[in-house]
Every structure is written in structure tokens, then in C-alpha cells.
Amino acid sequence: MAKYVCNVCGYVYDEILGDEENNVKAGTKFEDIHDEWLCPLCSVGKEDFSKE
């Protein structure tokens, strides 16, 4: 499992934890998150994240 960091605000998406508040279950790989998902802190898209 990997972590991905938002290039804009520094939010870290951890595949182990997911993003339950935004309907992304724990264990969800970053590439499997629905395309409409946005950074919970600054609202940029997945294209603005980098693998940690």
C-alpha cells in the first residue's frame, strides 16, 4: 500500500486508511479512486497528487 501527497496543500492519501468521509473505503488503491474524487482539503483532482 502506498501514500500519495497533494502537490498543492500537502494532504496525504494513505491507501491503508482510504478517505471514509468521501466514500473511499480503507484499502482502496489510489488509481482505483473514482475520477470525481477531490482532495479533501483543497479540492484539486487526482492529477495533482504525487506518489510519496
C-alpha atoms as a PDB file:
ATOM      1  CA  MET A   1       0.000   0.000   0.000  1.00  0.00           C
ATOM      2  CA  ALA A   2       1.271   3.443  -0.914  1.00  0.00           C
ATOM      3  CA  LYS A   3       0.745   7.067   0.052  1.00  0.00           C
ATOM      4  CA  TYR A   4       0.078   9.956  -2.310  1.00  0.00           C
ATOM      5  CA  VAL A   5       0.685  13.615  -1.484  1.00  0.00           C
ATOM      6  CA  CYS A   6      -1.290  16.570  -2.806  1.00  0.00           C
ATOM      7  CA  ASN A   7       1.137  18.859  -4.627  1.00  0.00           C
ATOM      8  CA  VAL A   8      -0.960  21.895  -3.694  1.00  0.00           C
ATOM      9  CA  CYS A   9      -1.682  21.563   0.047  1.00  0.00           C
ATOM     10  CA  GLY A  10       0.298  18.559   1.287  1.00  0.00           C
ATOM     11  CA  TYR A  11      -2.671  16.323   2.157  1.00  0.00           C
ATOM     12  CA  VAL A  12      -1.585  12.675   2.259  1.00  0.00           C
ATOM     13  CA  TYR A  13      -3.872   9.982   0.874  1.00  0.00           C
ATOM     14  CA  ASP A  14      -2.935   6.695   2.549  1.00  0.00           C
ATOM     15  CA  GLU A  15      -4.256   3.630   0.700  1.00  0.00           C
ATOM     16  CA  ILE A  16      -4.428   1.736   4.001  1.00  0.00           C
ATOM     17  CA  LEU A  17      -6.780   4.327   5.534  1.00  0.00           C
ATOM     18  CA  GLY A  18      -8.735   5.460   2.464  1.00  0.00           C
ATOM     19  CA  ASP A  19     -10.962   8.532   2.773  1.00  0.00           C
ATOM     20  CA  GLU A  20     -14.111   7.303   4.510  1.00  0.00           C
ATOM     21  CA  GLU A  21     -15.590  10.816   4.741  1.00  0.00           C
ATOM     22  CA  ASN A  22     -15.648  10.947   0.942  1.00  0.00           C
ATOM     23  CA  ASN A  23     -16.802   7.365   0.287  1.00  0.00           C
ATOM     24  CA  VAL A  24     -13.353   5.869  -0.400  1.00  0.00           C
ATOM     25  CA  LYS A  25     -13.043   2.688   1.643  1.00  0.00           C
ATOM     26  CA  ALA A  26      -9.905   1.712   3.536  1.00  0.00           C
ATOM     27  CA  GLY A  27      -7.604  -0.356   1.334  1.00  0.00           C
ATOM     28  CA  THR A  28      -8.570   1.446  -1.890  1.00  0.00           C
ATOM     29  CA  LYS A  29      -5.611   1.906  -4.238  1.00  0.00           C
ATOM     30  CA  PHE A  30      -5.155   5.480  -5.443  1.00  0.00           C
ATOM     31  CA  GLU A  31      -5.662   4.517  -9.082  1.00  0.00           C
ATOM     32  CA  ASP A  32      -8.987   2.884  -8.148  1.00  0.00           C
ATOM     33  CA  ILE A  33     -10.489   6.013  -6.587  1.00  0.00           C
ATOM     34  CA  HIS A  34     -13.343   7.370  -8.726  1.00  0.00           C
ATOM     35  CA  ASP A  35     -12.245  10.178 -11.049  1.00  0.00           C
ATOM     36  CA  GLU A  36     -14.598  12.698  -9.425  1.00  0.00           C
ATOM     37  CA  TRP A  37     -12.737  12.430  -6.087  1.00  0.00           C
ATOM     38  CA  LEU A  38     -11.105  15.677  -4.953  1.00  0.00           C
ATOM     39  CA  CYS A  39      -8.523  16.465  -2.300  1.00  0.00           C
ATOM     40  CA  PRO A  40     -10.484  16.806   0.961  1.00  0.00           C
ATOM     41  CA  LEU A  41      -8.501  19.900   1.949  1.00  0.00           C
ATOM     42  CA  CYS A  42      -8.078  21.984  -1.213  1.00  0.00           C
ATOM     43  CA  SER A  43     -10.390  20.350  -3.791  1.00  0.00           C
ATOM     44  CA  VAL A  44      -7.852  19.647  -6.555  1.00  0.00           C
ATOM     45  CA  GLY A  45      -8.147  16.469  -8.628  1.00  0.00           C
ATOM     46  CA  LYS A  46      -6.114  13.267  -8.567  1.00  0.00           C
ATOM     47  CA  GLU A  47      -3.791  14.603 -11.264  1.00  0.00           C
ATOM     48  CA  ASP A  48      -2.324  16.979  -8.673  1.00  0.00           C
ATOM     49  CA  PHE A  49      -1.049  14.153  -6.447  1.00  0.00           C
ATOM     50  CA  SER A  50       2.376  12.521  -6.425  1.00  0.00           C
ATOM     51  CA  LYS A  51       3.359   9.142  -5.030  1.00  0.00           C
ATOM     52  CA  GLU A  52       5.261   9.555  -1.769  1.00  0.00           C
END
